[in-house]
N, C-alpha and C. Protein backbone atom coordinates (compact mmCIF):
# COMPACT_ATOMS: atom_id res chain seq x y z
N MET A 1 108.88 -220.97 14.58
CA MET A 1 107.70 -221.83 14.50
C MET A 1 107.39 -222.45 15.86
N LYS A 2 108.42 -222.90 16.55
CA LYS A 2 108.24 -223.52 17.85
C LYS A 2 107.68 -222.50 18.85
N ALA A 3 108.15 -221.26 18.75
CA ALA A 3 107.67 -220.20 19.65
C ALA A 3 106.19 -219.91 19.39
N ILE A 4 105.82 -219.90 18.12
CA ILE A 4 104.42 -219.65 17.77
C ILE A 4 103.53 -220.76 18.33
N LEU A 5 103.95 -222.01 18.19
CA LEU A 5 103.19 -223.13 18.73
C LEU A 5 103.06 -223.05 20.24
N LEU A 6 104.13 -222.63 20.92
CA LEU A 6 104.08 -222.47 22.37
C LEU A 6 103.09 -221.38 22.78
N ILE A 7 103.13 -220.28 22.05
CA ILE A 7 102.20 -219.19 22.34
C ILE A 7 100.76 -219.62 22.10
N LEU A 8 100.51 -220.29 20.97
CA LEU A 8 99.16 -220.78 20.68
C LEU A 8 98.70 -221.78 21.74
N GLY A 9 99.60 -222.65 22.15
CA GLY A 9 99.27 -223.61 23.21
C GLY A 9 98.90 -222.91 24.50
N PHE A 10 99.64 -221.87 24.85
CA PHE A 10 99.35 -221.10 26.07
C PHE A 10 97.99 -220.42 25.96
N ILE A 11 97.69 -219.84 24.81
CA ILE A 11 96.40 -219.17 24.61
C ILE A 11 95.25 -220.17 24.73
N ILE A 12 95.39 -221.33 24.12
CA ILE A 12 94.34 -222.34 24.18
C ILE A 12 94.15 -222.83 25.62
N MET A 13 95.24 -223.04 26.34
CA MET A 13 95.14 -223.48 27.74
C MET A 13 94.47 -222.41 28.60
N THR A 14 94.77 -221.15 28.34
CA THR A 14 94.15 -220.05 29.09
C THR A 14 92.66 -219.99 28.83
N ILE A 15 92.27 -220.12 27.57
CA ILE A 15 90.85 -220.12 27.21
C ILE A 15 90.14 -221.29 27.88
N LEU A 16 90.71 -222.46 27.82
CA LEU A 16 90.09 -223.63 28.45
C LEU A 16 89.99 -223.46 29.96
N ALA A 17 91.03 -222.95 30.57
CA ALA A 17 91.01 -222.74 32.03
C ALA A 17 89.93 -221.74 32.41
N ASN A 18 89.80 -220.67 31.64
CA ASN A 18 88.79 -219.66 31.93
C ASN A 18 87.38 -220.20 31.73
N SER A 19 87.17 -220.99 30.69
CA SER A 19 85.84 -221.51 30.44
C SER A 19 85.44 -222.52 31.50
N GLN A 20 86.40 -223.24 32.05
CA GLN A 20 86.09 -224.22 33.07
C GLN A 20 85.86 -223.56 34.43
N SER A 21 86.35 -222.34 34.61
CA SER A 21 86.18 -221.68 35.90
C SER A 21 84.89 -220.87 35.97
N THR A 22 84.15 -220.79 34.87
CA THR A 22 82.90 -220.06 34.88
C THR A 22 81.92 -220.75 35.82
N LYS A 23 81.34 -219.97 36.71
CA LYS A 23 80.37 -220.51 37.65
C LYS A 23 79.04 -220.73 36.96
N SER A 24 78.20 -221.52 37.60
CA SER A 24 76.83 -221.66 37.15
C SER A 24 75.92 -221.06 38.21
N PHE A 25 74.66 -220.91 37.86
CA PHE A 25 73.65 -220.39 38.77
C PHE A 25 73.59 -221.24 40.05
N TYR A 26 73.87 -222.53 39.89
CA TYR A 26 73.79 -223.47 41.00
C TYR A 26 74.89 -223.31 42.04
N ASP A 27 75.90 -222.51 41.74
CA ASP A 27 77.00 -222.29 42.68
C ASP A 27 76.65 -221.28 43.77
N PHE A 28 75.45 -220.70 43.71
CA PHE A 28 75.08 -219.64 44.65
C PHE A 28 74.07 -220.11 45.68
N LYS A 29 74.14 -219.45 46.80
CA LYS A 29 73.16 -219.63 47.88
C LYS A 29 72.56 -218.26 48.16
N THR A 30 71.33 -218.25 48.60
CA THR A 30 70.64 -217.00 48.91
C THR A 30 69.76 -217.23 50.12
N THR A 31 68.87 -216.30 50.39
CA THR A 31 67.97 -216.39 51.54
C THR A 31 66.55 -216.09 51.06
N THR A 32 65.61 -216.90 51.51
CA THR A 32 64.22 -216.68 51.13
C THR A 32 63.68 -215.42 51.82
N ILE A 33 62.54 -214.96 51.36
CA ILE A 33 61.92 -213.78 51.94
C ILE A 33 61.54 -214.02 53.41
N ASP A 34 61.44 -215.29 53.80
CA ASP A 34 61.15 -215.66 55.19
C ASP A 34 62.42 -215.85 56.03
N GLY A 35 63.59 -215.57 55.42
CA GLY A 35 64.84 -215.64 56.17
C GLY A 35 65.49 -217.01 56.22
N GLN A 36 65.02 -217.94 55.40
CA GLN A 36 65.59 -219.29 55.38
C GLN A 36 66.67 -219.39 54.30
N PRO A 37 67.76 -220.13 54.58
CA PRO A 37 68.78 -220.33 53.56
C PRO A 37 68.19 -221.09 52.36
N PHE A 38 68.65 -220.73 51.17
CA PHE A 38 68.16 -221.38 49.96
C PHE A 38 69.34 -221.63 49.04
N ASP A 39 69.62 -222.89 48.76
CA ASP A 39 70.71 -223.29 47.88
C ASP A 39 70.15 -223.44 46.47
N LEU A 40 70.64 -222.63 45.55
CA LEU A 40 70.12 -222.65 44.18
C LEU A 40 70.41 -223.97 43.47
N SER A 41 71.34 -224.77 43.99
CA SER A 41 71.61 -226.07 43.37
C SER A 41 70.41 -227.01 43.51
N THR A 42 69.47 -226.70 44.41
CA THR A 42 68.26 -227.52 44.54
C THR A 42 67.36 -227.38 43.31
N LEU A 43 67.68 -226.44 42.44
CA LEU A 43 66.88 -226.21 41.24
C LEU A 43 67.45 -226.91 40.00
N LYS A 44 68.49 -227.71 40.17
CA LYS A 44 69.09 -228.41 39.03
C LYS A 44 68.01 -229.18 38.26
N GLY A 45 68.08 -229.07 36.94
CA GLY A 45 67.13 -229.75 36.08
C GLY A 45 65.91 -228.90 35.72
N LYS A 46 65.80 -227.71 36.32
CA LYS A 46 64.68 -226.81 36.02
C LYS A 46 65.17 -225.60 35.25
N LYS A 47 64.31 -225.08 34.40
CA LYS A 47 64.53 -223.76 33.85
C LYS A 47 64.08 -222.79 34.92
N VAL A 48 64.83 -221.69 35.08
CA VAL A 48 64.53 -220.71 36.12
C VAL A 48 64.47 -219.32 35.50
N LEU A 49 63.40 -218.60 35.78
CA LEU A 49 63.27 -217.21 35.38
C LEU A 49 63.54 -216.37 36.63
N VAL A 50 64.62 -215.58 36.59
CA VAL A 50 65.02 -214.75 37.73
C VAL A 50 64.59 -213.32 37.42
N VAL A 51 63.87 -212.70 38.37
CA VAL A 51 63.32 -211.36 38.15
C VAL A 51 63.59 -210.48 39.35
N ASN A 52 64.14 -209.28 39.12
CA ASN A 52 64.25 -208.30 40.20
C ASN A 52 62.94 -207.54 40.26
N THR A 53 62.35 -207.48 41.44
CA THR A 53 61.00 -206.96 41.59
C THR A 53 60.95 -205.71 42.47
N ALA A 54 59.82 -205.02 42.40
CA ALA A 54 59.59 -203.83 43.23
C ALA A 54 58.08 -203.62 43.35
N SER A 55 57.65 -203.14 44.51
CA SER A 55 56.22 -202.98 44.80
C SER A 55 55.61 -201.66 44.37
N LYS A 56 56.45 -200.66 44.09
CA LYS A 56 55.93 -199.32 43.77
C LYS A 56 56.45 -198.84 42.42
N CYS A 57 56.37 -199.71 41.44
CA CYS A 57 56.93 -199.45 40.11
C CYS A 57 55.81 -199.54 39.07
N GLY A 58 55.99 -198.86 37.97
CA GLY A 58 55.04 -198.98 36.87
C GLY A 58 54.97 -200.40 36.33
N ASN A 59 56.02 -201.18 36.54
CA ASN A 59 56.04 -202.57 36.09
C ASN A 59 55.49 -203.54 37.13
N THR A 60 55.12 -203.06 38.31
CA THR A 60 54.66 -203.94 39.38
C THR A 60 53.52 -204.86 38.95
N PRO A 61 52.59 -204.43 38.08
CA PRO A 61 51.53 -205.36 37.65
C PRO A 61 52.07 -206.62 36.96
N GLN A 62 53.34 -206.64 36.59
CA GLN A 62 53.92 -207.86 36.02
C GLN A 62 53.89 -209.02 37.01
N TYR A 63 53.75 -208.73 38.31
CA TYR A 63 53.59 -209.82 39.28
C TYR A 63 52.44 -210.73 38.86
N GLU A 64 51.35 -210.15 38.37
CA GLU A 64 50.20 -210.94 37.96
C GLU A 64 50.56 -211.89 36.82
N GLN A 65 51.28 -211.38 35.82
CA GLN A 65 51.68 -212.20 34.68
C GLN A 65 52.71 -213.25 35.10
N LEU A 66 53.62 -212.87 36.00
CA LEU A 66 54.59 -213.85 36.49
C LEU A 66 53.88 -214.99 37.21
N GLU A 67 52.89 -214.65 38.02
CA GLU A 67 52.13 -215.69 38.72
C GLU A 67 51.37 -216.57 37.73
N GLN A 68 50.79 -215.99 36.69
CA GLN A 68 50.10 -216.79 35.66
C GLN A 68 51.08 -217.75 34.99
N LEU A 69 52.27 -217.26 34.68
CA LEU A 69 53.31 -218.10 34.07
C LEU A 69 53.68 -219.24 35.01
N PHE A 70 53.84 -218.91 36.29
CA PHE A 70 54.20 -219.92 37.29
C PHE A 70 53.07 -220.95 37.45
N GLN A 71 51.84 -220.51 37.46
CA GLN A 71 50.71 -221.43 37.60
C GLN A 71 50.61 -222.37 36.39
N LYS A 72 50.91 -221.85 35.22
CA LYS A 72 50.81 -222.67 34.00
C LYS A 72 51.98 -223.64 33.84
N TYR A 73 53.21 -223.17 34.13
CA TYR A 73 54.39 -223.98 33.83
C TYR A 73 55.19 -224.44 35.04
N GLY A 74 54.95 -223.82 36.19
CA GLY A 74 55.75 -224.13 37.37
C GLY A 74 55.61 -225.58 37.80
N GLY A 75 56.70 -226.13 38.33
CA GLY A 75 56.69 -227.53 38.75
C GLY A 75 58.08 -228.12 38.65
N ASP A 76 58.14 -229.34 38.14
CA ASP A 76 59.41 -230.07 38.05
C ASP A 76 60.37 -229.51 37.02
N LYS A 77 59.84 -228.79 36.01
CA LYS A 77 60.69 -228.35 34.89
C LYS A 77 60.94 -226.84 34.85
N PHE A 78 60.18 -226.06 35.63
CA PHE A 78 60.29 -224.61 35.55
C PHE A 78 59.90 -223.96 36.88
N THR A 79 60.61 -222.86 37.20
CA THR A 79 60.21 -222.04 38.33
C THR A 79 60.59 -220.59 38.07
N ILE A 80 60.06 -219.74 38.89
CA ILE A 80 60.39 -218.31 38.87
C ILE A 80 60.93 -217.97 40.25
N ILE A 81 61.93 -217.11 40.29
CA ILE A 81 62.44 -216.60 41.56
C ILE A 81 62.44 -215.08 41.49
N GLY A 82 61.77 -214.47 42.46
CA GLY A 82 61.75 -213.02 42.56
C GLY A 82 62.75 -212.53 43.58
N PHE A 83 63.50 -211.51 43.20
CA PHE A 83 64.46 -210.86 44.09
C PHE A 83 64.05 -209.39 44.25
N PRO A 84 63.35 -209.04 45.32
CA PRO A 84 63.02 -207.64 45.55
C PRO A 84 64.29 -206.80 45.67
N ALA A 85 64.25 -205.60 45.08
CA ALA A 85 65.42 -204.71 45.11
C ALA A 85 64.93 -203.26 45.15
N ASN A 86 65.67 -202.44 45.85
CA ASN A 86 65.31 -201.04 46.03
C ASN A 86 66.27 -200.12 45.28
N ASN A 87 66.79 -200.58 44.15
CA ASN A 87 67.83 -199.84 43.43
C ASN A 87 67.32 -198.74 42.52
N PHE A 88 66.03 -198.70 42.23
CA PHE A 88 65.52 -197.74 41.25
C PHE A 88 64.46 -196.86 41.90
N LEU A 89 64.82 -195.60 42.14
CA LEU A 89 63.93 -194.58 42.69
C LEU A 89 63.21 -195.03 43.97
N SER A 90 63.89 -195.84 44.77
CA SER A 90 63.34 -196.32 46.06
C SER A 90 61.96 -196.94 45.88
N GLN A 91 61.79 -197.75 44.83
CA GLN A 91 60.49 -198.33 44.52
C GLN A 91 60.21 -199.64 45.27
N GLU A 92 61.17 -200.05 46.11
CA GLU A 92 60.93 -201.22 46.98
C GLU A 92 61.45 -200.89 48.37
N PRO A 93 60.76 -199.98 49.08
CA PRO A 93 61.24 -199.52 50.38
C PRO A 93 60.91 -200.46 51.55
N GLY A 94 60.01 -201.40 51.35
CA GLY A 94 59.50 -202.21 52.46
C GLY A 94 60.49 -203.24 52.99
N THR A 95 60.12 -203.80 54.14
CA THR A 95 60.86 -204.92 54.72
C THR A 95 60.46 -206.19 53.98
N ASN A 96 61.18 -207.27 54.23
CA ASN A 96 60.81 -208.54 53.61
C ASN A 96 59.38 -208.93 53.96
N ALA A 97 59.00 -208.75 55.21
CA ALA A 97 57.63 -209.10 55.64
C ALA A 97 56.60 -208.25 54.90
N GLN A 98 56.86 -206.96 54.75
CA GLN A 98 55.93 -206.08 54.03
C GLN A 98 55.84 -206.45 52.55
N ILE A 99 56.98 -206.78 51.96
CA ILE A 99 57.01 -207.17 50.55
C ILE A 99 56.21 -208.46 50.34
N LYS A 100 56.43 -209.43 51.21
CA LYS A 100 55.71 -210.70 51.11
C LYS A 100 54.20 -210.47 51.23
N GLU A 101 53.80 -209.67 52.19
CA GLU A 101 52.37 -209.39 52.38
C GLU A 101 51.79 -208.70 51.15
N PHE A 102 52.51 -207.71 50.61
CA PHE A 102 52.06 -206.99 49.42
C PHE A 102 51.87 -207.95 48.24
N CYS A 103 52.87 -208.79 47.99
CA CYS A 103 52.82 -209.71 46.85
C CYS A 103 51.69 -210.73 46.98
N THR A 104 51.51 -211.23 48.19
CA THR A 104 50.47 -212.23 48.43
C THR A 104 49.08 -211.62 48.35
N LYS A 105 48.90 -210.49 49.02
CA LYS A 105 47.58 -209.84 49.10
C LYS A 105 47.13 -209.28 47.75
N ASN A 106 48.04 -208.62 47.04
CA ASN A 106 47.67 -207.92 45.82
C ASN A 106 47.77 -208.76 44.55
N TYR A 107 48.66 -209.74 44.53
CA TYR A 107 48.89 -210.50 43.29
C TYR A 107 48.83 -212.01 43.48
N GLY A 108 48.59 -212.47 44.70
CA GLY A 108 48.50 -213.91 44.94
C GLY A 108 49.78 -214.66 44.61
N VAL A 109 50.92 -214.02 44.78
CA VAL A 109 52.20 -214.61 44.41
C VAL A 109 52.46 -215.89 45.20
N THR A 110 52.73 -216.97 44.47
CA THR A 110 53.11 -218.24 45.10
C THR A 110 54.49 -218.71 44.65
N PHE A 111 55.06 -218.06 43.64
CA PHE A 111 56.41 -218.45 43.22
C PHE A 111 57.40 -217.99 44.29
N PRO A 112 58.57 -218.63 44.37
CA PRO A 112 59.53 -218.29 45.42
C PRO A 112 60.02 -216.84 45.35
N MET A 113 59.95 -216.19 46.48
CA MET A 113 60.50 -214.84 46.62
C MET A 113 61.66 -214.91 47.59
N MET A 114 62.72 -214.21 47.27
CA MET A 114 63.90 -214.18 48.10
C MET A 114 63.96 -212.88 48.90
N SER A 115 64.89 -212.79 49.82
CA SER A 115 65.08 -211.56 50.59
C SER A 115 65.52 -210.43 49.69
N LYS A 116 65.20 -209.22 50.10
CA LYS A 116 65.57 -208.03 49.34
C LYS A 116 67.09 -207.94 49.23
N ILE A 117 67.55 -207.65 48.02
CA ILE A 117 68.99 -207.53 47.75
C ILE A 117 69.23 -206.28 46.91
N SER A 118 70.49 -206.05 46.58
CA SER A 118 70.86 -205.00 45.65
C SER A 118 71.25 -205.66 44.32
N VAL A 119 70.70 -205.15 43.22
CA VAL A 119 70.95 -205.76 41.91
C VAL A 119 71.95 -204.96 41.07
N LYS A 120 72.45 -203.87 41.63
CA LYS A 120 73.48 -203.08 40.93
C LYS A 120 74.24 -202.25 41.97
N GLY A 121 75.35 -201.69 41.55
CA GLY A 121 76.11 -200.81 42.42
C GLY A 121 77.16 -201.53 43.25
N LYS A 122 77.75 -200.80 44.18
CA LYS A 122 78.84 -201.32 45.00
C LYS A 122 78.42 -202.47 45.89
N ASP A 123 77.15 -202.51 46.28
CA ASP A 123 76.66 -203.57 47.16
C ASP A 123 75.86 -204.64 46.39
N GLN A 124 76.12 -204.75 45.09
CA GLN A 124 75.41 -205.72 44.25
C GLN A 124 75.59 -207.14 44.78
N ASP A 125 74.49 -207.86 44.88
CA ASP A 125 74.53 -209.24 45.34
C ASP A 125 75.34 -210.10 44.37
N PRO A 126 76.09 -211.09 44.89
CA PRO A 126 76.90 -211.95 44.01
C PRO A 126 76.11 -212.64 42.91
N ILE A 127 74.86 -212.99 43.18
CA ILE A 127 74.04 -213.63 42.12
C ILE A 127 73.87 -212.66 40.95
N TYR A 128 73.63 -211.40 41.26
CA TYR A 128 73.46 -210.42 40.19
C TYR A 128 74.78 -209.99 39.57
N GLN A 129 75.88 -210.12 40.29
CA GLN A 129 77.18 -209.92 39.65
C GLN A 129 77.35 -210.97 38.56
N TRP A 130 76.97 -212.21 38.87
CA TRP A 130 77.07 -213.29 37.90
C TRP A 130 76.10 -213.09 36.74
N LEU A 131 74.86 -212.77 37.04
CA LEU A 131 73.85 -212.60 35.99
C LEU A 131 74.19 -211.49 35.00
N THR A 132 74.82 -210.43 35.47
CA THR A 132 74.99 -209.23 34.65
C THR A 132 76.36 -209.07 34.00
N SER A 133 77.30 -209.95 34.31
CA SER A 133 78.67 -209.77 33.82
C SER A 133 79.15 -210.93 32.94
N LEU A 134 79.53 -210.62 31.73
CA LEU A 134 80.11 -211.60 30.81
C LEU A 134 81.29 -212.32 31.44
N ASP A 135 82.12 -211.58 32.17
CA ASP A 135 83.29 -212.18 32.82
C ASP A 135 82.88 -213.23 33.84
N GLU A 136 81.71 -213.07 34.43
CA GLU A 136 81.22 -214.01 35.45
C GLU A 136 80.41 -215.16 34.85
N ASN A 137 79.49 -214.85 33.92
CA ASN A 137 78.57 -215.87 33.41
C ASN A 137 79.02 -216.50 32.09
N GLY A 138 80.00 -215.88 31.42
CA GLY A 138 80.52 -216.42 30.17
C GLY A 138 79.61 -216.26 28.97
N VAL A 139 78.50 -215.52 29.12
CA VAL A 139 77.51 -215.42 28.04
C VAL A 139 77.31 -213.98 27.58
N MET A 140 77.02 -213.08 28.52
CA MET A 140 76.69 -211.71 28.12
C MET A 140 76.85 -210.73 29.28
N ASP A 141 77.04 -209.48 28.90
CA ASP A 141 76.90 -208.37 29.85
C ASP A 141 75.45 -207.94 29.76
N ALA A 142 74.78 -207.87 30.90
CA ALA A 142 73.36 -207.51 30.90
C ALA A 142 73.05 -206.71 32.17
N PRO A 143 73.62 -205.51 32.29
CA PRO A 143 73.34 -204.73 33.49
C PRO A 143 71.85 -204.51 33.68
N VAL A 144 71.41 -204.51 34.93
CA VAL A 144 69.99 -204.32 35.22
C VAL A 144 69.63 -202.87 34.95
N LYS A 145 68.66 -202.69 34.06
CA LYS A 145 68.24 -201.35 33.64
C LYS A 145 67.11 -200.79 34.50
N TRP A 146 66.26 -201.69 35.04
CA TRP A 146 65.11 -201.24 35.83
C TRP A 146 64.51 -202.46 36.52
N ASN A 147 63.47 -202.24 37.30
CA ASN A 147 62.76 -203.33 37.96
C ASN A 147 62.09 -204.23 36.93
N PHE A 148 62.06 -205.51 37.24
CA PHE A 148 61.41 -206.55 36.44
C PHE A 148 62.20 -206.92 35.19
N GLN A 149 63.53 -206.82 35.26
CA GLN A 149 64.37 -207.40 34.21
C GLN A 149 64.39 -208.90 34.46
N LYS A 150 64.29 -209.68 33.38
CA LYS A 150 64.13 -211.13 33.51
C LYS A 150 65.33 -211.86 32.92
N PHE A 151 65.90 -212.77 33.71
CA PHE A 151 67.03 -213.58 33.28
C PHE A 151 66.59 -215.03 33.16
N MET A 152 66.96 -215.66 32.05
CA MET A 152 66.57 -217.04 31.77
C MET A 152 67.77 -217.96 32.02
N ILE A 153 67.55 -218.94 32.93
CA ILE A 153 68.58 -219.90 33.31
C ILE A 153 68.13 -221.28 32.83
N ASP A 154 69.00 -221.99 32.13
CA ASP A 154 68.60 -223.31 31.63
C ASP A 154 68.72 -224.39 32.71
N GLU A 155 68.38 -225.61 32.35
CA GLU A 155 68.35 -226.74 33.28
C GLU A 155 69.73 -227.09 33.84
N SER A 156 70.78 -226.60 33.21
CA SER A 156 72.14 -226.87 33.67
C SER A 156 72.73 -225.72 34.47
N GLY A 157 71.93 -224.68 34.70
CA GLY A 157 72.40 -223.55 35.50
C GLY A 157 73.14 -222.49 34.72
N ASN A 158 72.97 -222.50 33.39
CA ASN A 158 73.62 -221.51 32.53
C ASN A 158 72.67 -220.39 32.16
N LEU A 159 73.17 -219.18 32.12
CA LEU A 159 72.40 -218.05 31.63
C LEU A 159 72.23 -218.21 30.12
N VAL A 160 70.99 -218.14 29.65
CA VAL A 160 70.75 -218.32 28.21
C VAL A 160 70.04 -217.15 27.57
N GLY A 161 69.56 -216.19 28.38
CA GLY A 161 68.89 -215.05 27.79
C GLY A 161 68.44 -214.05 28.83
N MET A 162 68.00 -212.90 28.33
CA MET A 162 67.53 -211.82 29.19
C MET A 162 66.39 -211.13 28.46
N VAL A 163 65.40 -210.70 29.23
CA VAL A 163 64.26 -209.97 28.68
C VAL A 163 64.15 -208.64 29.42
N ALA A 164 63.97 -207.58 28.68
CA ALA A 164 63.97 -206.22 29.23
C ALA A 164 62.85 -206.01 30.26
N PRO A 165 63.07 -205.08 31.19
CA PRO A 165 62.11 -204.83 32.26
C PRO A 165 60.68 -204.54 31.81
N GLY A 166 60.49 -203.75 30.78
CA GLY A 166 59.15 -203.37 30.35
C GLY A 166 58.43 -204.42 29.53
N THR A 167 59.12 -205.49 29.17
CA THR A 167 58.53 -206.54 28.35
C THR A 167 57.75 -207.51 29.23
N SER A 168 56.57 -207.87 28.78
CA SER A 168 55.71 -208.78 29.52
C SER A 168 56.40 -210.13 29.76
N PRO A 169 56.20 -210.71 30.94
CA PRO A 169 56.71 -212.06 31.18
C PRO A 169 56.06 -213.09 30.26
N MET A 170 54.93 -212.75 29.64
CA MET A 170 54.23 -213.66 28.74
C MET A 170 54.72 -213.54 27.29
N THR A 171 55.81 -212.83 27.07
CA THR A 171 56.35 -212.67 25.73
C THR A 171 56.69 -214.03 25.11
N ASP A 172 56.61 -214.10 23.80
CA ASP A 172 56.93 -215.35 23.09
C ASP A 172 58.32 -215.85 23.43
N LYS A 173 59.27 -214.93 23.61
CA LYS A 173 60.64 -215.34 23.91
C LYS A 173 60.69 -216.20 25.16
N ILE A 174 59.97 -215.81 26.20
CA ILE A 174 59.97 -216.57 27.45
C ILE A 174 59.11 -217.83 27.32
N VAL A 175 57.91 -217.69 26.79
CA VAL A 175 57.01 -218.85 26.67
C VAL A 175 57.63 -219.93 25.78
N ASN A 176 58.18 -219.55 24.64
CA ASN A 176 58.81 -220.53 23.74
C ASN A 176 60.00 -221.20 24.41
N TRP A 177 60.76 -220.42 25.18
CA TRP A 177 61.90 -221.00 25.91
C TRP A 177 61.42 -222.01 26.95
N ILE A 178 60.40 -221.68 27.70
CA ILE A 178 59.88 -222.60 28.71
C ILE A 178 59.38 -223.87 28.04
N GLU A 179 58.65 -223.71 26.96
CA GLU A 179 58.06 -224.85 26.26
C GLU A 179 59.10 -225.66 25.47
N GLY A 180 60.31 -225.10 25.36
CA GLY A 180 61.37 -225.82 24.67
C GLY A 180 61.44 -225.58 23.19
N ALA A 181 60.63 -224.65 22.66
CA ALA A 181 60.60 -224.37 21.24
C ALA A 181 61.85 -223.63 20.77
N SER A 182 62.46 -222.87 21.68
CA SER A 182 63.70 -222.17 21.32
C SER A 182 64.44 -221.85 22.60
N LYS A 183 65.70 -221.50 22.45
CA LYS A 183 66.51 -221.13 23.63
C LYS A 183 66.76 -219.67 23.64
């Protein structure tokens, strides 16, 4: 009986230690599309929609819907962050300057865009390692399937959901989450 209690105690301590070591979104730093350092902890208290983007994809028109979402809800309680990535059929071949120009000229993007990164593979950015791995985020495995996969981060920096690449950013799941109707 004593041995069983010791084993159970060890298991509980291991679970608690692992849950306390889980990082939050706010533990990461990145770089803006203009090359400036950006500390994600500056977003504490906001819901954040993180999207991997590409300029030459069938989903590229989602930039327009993302900007509409940002114009309607962006501010003190919500923001969107775009991470350009060239991981799918070389659909984001441009430089950061070219990507910024494309997004601004064609879609009027005003939400924060970060420097181009890798969202999968051996060179996957640490932010996307966290977003896509249950072991890292403590919530779910959600490997990036294509451009414009959307990750929902709550006001405390926790991953709370994911929306598939082909799904509109204006889906009820995202809008209701932003408005606080559901998580």
